[in-house]
C-alpha atoms as a PDB file:
ATOM      1  CA  MET A   1      60.296 -23.671  59.834  1.00  0.00           C
ATOM      2  CA  GLY A   2      57.998 -22.352  57.150  1.00  0.00           C
ATOM      3  CA  ASP A   3      58.815 -18.663  57.751  1.00  0.00           C
ATOM      4  CA  LEU A   4      60.255 -16.474  55.022  1.00  0.00           C
ATOM      5  CA  ARG A   5      63.971 -16.154  55.741  1.00  0.00           C
ATOM      6  CA  ASN A   6      64.990 -12.643  56.838  1.00  0.00           C
ATOM      7  CA  LEU A   7      61.429 -11.368  56.258  1.00  0.00           C
ATOM      8  CA  GLU A   8      59.362 -12.722  59.179  1.00  0.00           C
ATOM      9  CA  VAL A   9      59.209 -10.871  62.493  1.00  0.00           C
ATOM     10  CA  ASP A  10      58.403 -11.895  66.066  1.00  0.00           C
ATOM     11  CA  ASN A  11      55.590  -9.329  66.381  1.00  0.00           C
ATOM     12  CA  ARG A  12      53.850  -7.668  63.426  1.00  0.00           C
ATOM     13  CA  LEU A  13      52.394  -4.182  63.566  1.00  0.00           C
ATOM     14  CA  VAL A  14      48.641  -4.853  63.277  1.00  0.00           C
ATOM     15  CA  VAL A  15      46.489  -2.041  61.869  1.00  0.00           C
ATOM     16  CA  PRO A  16      42.861  -1.796  60.671  1.00  0.00           C
ATOM     17  CA  VAL A  17      42.252  -1.661  56.921  1.00  0.00           C
ATOM     18  CA  GLY A  18      40.712   1.499  55.451  1.00  0.00           C
ATOM     19  CA  VAL A  19      41.385   3.644  58.527  1.00  0.00           C
ATOM     20  CA  PRO A  20      43.632   6.697  58.115  1.00  0.00           C
ATOM     21  CA  LEU A  21      46.756   6.309  60.277  1.00  0.00           C
ATOM     22  CA  THR A  22      49.556   8.654  61.247  1.00  0.00           C
ATOM     23  CA  LEU A  23      52.914   6.970  61.792  1.00  0.00           C
ATOM     24  CA  CYS A  24      55.459   8.758  63.960  1.00  0.00           C
ATOM     25  CA  LEU A  25      59.077   7.612  63.786  1.00  0.00           C
ATOM     26  CA  GLY A  26      62.012   8.610  65.940  1.00  0.00           C
ATOM     27  CA  THR A  27      65.196   7.014  67.259  1.00  0.00           C
ATOM     28  CA  THR A  28      67.763   7.500  69.983  1.00  0.00           C
ATOM     29  CA  ASP A  29      70.794   5.779  68.466  1.00  0.00           C
ATOM     30  CA  VAL A  30      71.364   5.914  64.691  1.00  0.00           C
ATOM     31  CA  ILE A  31      69.382   6.695  61.520  1.00  0.00           C
ATOM     32  CA  HIS A  32      66.919   3.964  60.571  1.00  0.00           C
ATOM     33  CA  SER A  33      64.836   3.794  57.412  1.00  0.00           C
ATOM     34  CA  PHE A  34      61.402   2.167  57.696  1.00  0.00           C
ATOM     35  CA  SER A  35      60.678   0.681  54.266  1.00  0.00           C
ATOM     36  CA  LEU A  36      57.619  -1.216  52.998  1.00  0.00           C
ATOM     37  CA  PRO A  37      58.130  -1.360  49.207  1.00  0.00           C
ATOM     38  CA  SER A  38      54.786  -3.021  48.377  1.00  0.00           C
ATOM     39  CA  VAL A  39      52.950  -0.069  49.957  1.00  0.00           C
ATOM     40  CA  GLY A  40      55.311   2.557  48.519  1.00  0.00           C
ATOM     41  CA  LEU A  41      56.424   3.625  51.991  1.00  0.00           C
ATOM     42  CA  LYS A  42      59.893   4.714  53.051  1.00  0.00           C
ATOM     43  CA  LEU A  43      60.447   6.957  56.058  1.00  0.00           C
ATOM     44  CA  ASP A  44      63.633   7.765  57.938  1.00  0.00           C
ATOM     45  CA  ALA A  45      63.894   7.843  61.717  1.00  0.00           C
ATOM     46  CA  ASN A  46      66.456  10.445  62.747  1.00  0.00           C
ATOM     47  CA  VAL A  47      68.091  11.061  66.115  1.00  0.00           C
ATOM     48  CA  GLY A  48      66.478  14.003  67.908  1.00  0.00           C
ATOM     49  CA  ALA A  49      63.661  14.474  65.389  1.00  0.00           C
ATOM     50  CA  LEU A  50      60.227  13.006  64.757  1.00  0.00           C
ATOM     51  CA  ASN A  51      59.033  12.202  61.244  1.00  0.00           C
ATOM     52  CA  PHE A  52      55.336  11.754  60.485  1.00  0.00           C
ATOM     53  CA  ILE A  53      53.513  10.176  57.559  1.00  0.00           C
ATOM     54  CA  GLU A  54      49.823   9.579  56.914  1.00  0.00           C
ATOM     55  CA  LEU A  55      48.874   6.157  55.603  1.00  0.00           C
ATOM     56  CA  SER A  56      45.699   4.265  54.752  1.00  0.00           C
ATOM     57  CA  LEU A  57      45.943   0.663  53.562  1.00  0.00           C
ATOM     58  CA  ASP A  58      43.038  -0.443  51.366  1.00  0.00           C
ATOM     59  CA  HIS A  59      43.155  -4.250  51.596  1.00  0.00           C
ATOM     60  CA  THR A  60      43.918  -6.916  54.167  1.00  0.00           C
ATOM     61  CA  GLY A  61      47.155  -8.825  54.131  1.00  0.00           C
ATOM     62  CA  VAL A  62      50.699  -8.957  55.399  1.00  0.00           C
ATOM     63  CA  PHE A  63      53.204  -6.415  54.122  1.00  0.00           C
ATOM     64  CA  ARG A  64      56.899  -7.052  54.602  1.00  0.00           C
ATOM     65  CA  GLY A  65      59.848  -4.727  54.433  1.00  0.00           C
ATOM     66  CA  SER A  66      63.123  -4.018  56.131  1.00  0.00           C
ATOM     67  CA  CYS A  67      65.390  -1.330  57.463  1.00  0.00           C
ATOM     68  CA  SER A  68      66.941  -0.049  54.256  1.00  0.00           C
ATOM     69  CA  GLU A  69      69.906   1.698  55.874  1.00  0.00           C
ATOM     70  CA  ILE A  70      73.076  -0.044  57.033  1.00  0.00           C
ATOM     71  CA  CYS A  71      72.796   1.569  60.469  1.00  0.00           C
ATOM     72  CA  GLY A  72      74.569  -1.039  62.550  1.00  0.00           C
ATOM     73  CA  VAL A  73      75.663  -4.641  62.850  1.00  0.00           C
ATOM     74  CA  ASN A  74      73.050  -6.961  61.252  1.00  0.00           C
ATOM     75  CA  HIS A  75      70.612  -4.120  60.518  1.00  0.00           C
ATOM     76  CA  SER A  76      70.615  -5.126  56.873  1.00  0.00           C
ATOM     77  CA  PHE A  77      68.618  -8.131  58.089  1.00  0.00           C
ATOM     78  CA  MET A  78      66.176  -6.220  60.324  1.00  0.00           C
ATOM     79  CA  PRO A  79      62.722  -7.123  58.957  1.00  0.00           C
ATOM     80  CA  ILE A  80      59.510  -5.111  59.337  1.00  0.00           C
ATOM     81  CA  GLY A  81      56.045  -6.700  59.207  1.00  0.00           C
ATOM     82  CA  VAL A  82      52.681  -4.942  58.990  1.00  0.00           C
ATOM     83  CA  GLU A  83      49.409  -6.878  59.037  1.00  0.00           C
ATOM     84  CA  THR A  84      46.083  -5.303  58.119  1.00  0.00           C
ATOM     85  CA  THR A  85      42.806  -6.650  59.463  1.00  0.00           C
ATOM     86  CA  SER A  86      39.163  -5.612  59.337  1.00  0.00           C
ATOM     87  CA  PRO A  87      38.256  -2.811  61.757  1.00  0.00           C
ATOM     88  CA  GLY A  88      35.936  -5.164  63.687  1.00  0.00           C
ATOM     89  CA  PHE A  89      38.621  -7.784  64.172  1.00  0.00           C
ATOM     90  CA  PHE A  90      41.122  -5.073  65.127  1.00  0.00           C
ATOM     91  CA  VAL A  91      38.831  -3.715  67.879  1.00  0.00           C
ATOM     92  CA  ALA A  92      38.090  -7.219  69.204  1.00  0.00           C
END
């Protein structure tokens, strides 16, 4: 109750705000597409290959997205959640 339908996740990816990050995506089954529209991020995860992207988020908050490929049963409803926090809170 109270969660955004098809957008909330069990465990968010928590990252510090203002810190340069490198995301590395890969998969072992089918192509997935990691998409966070509010950040302007879309990156595919391909079988047998690693894709990298550098990212730095400049304000705290919760960013929601989804797998934007129909890569299997119910994957059109696979949400992605990223939460940014202050570096001090992240370390603690």
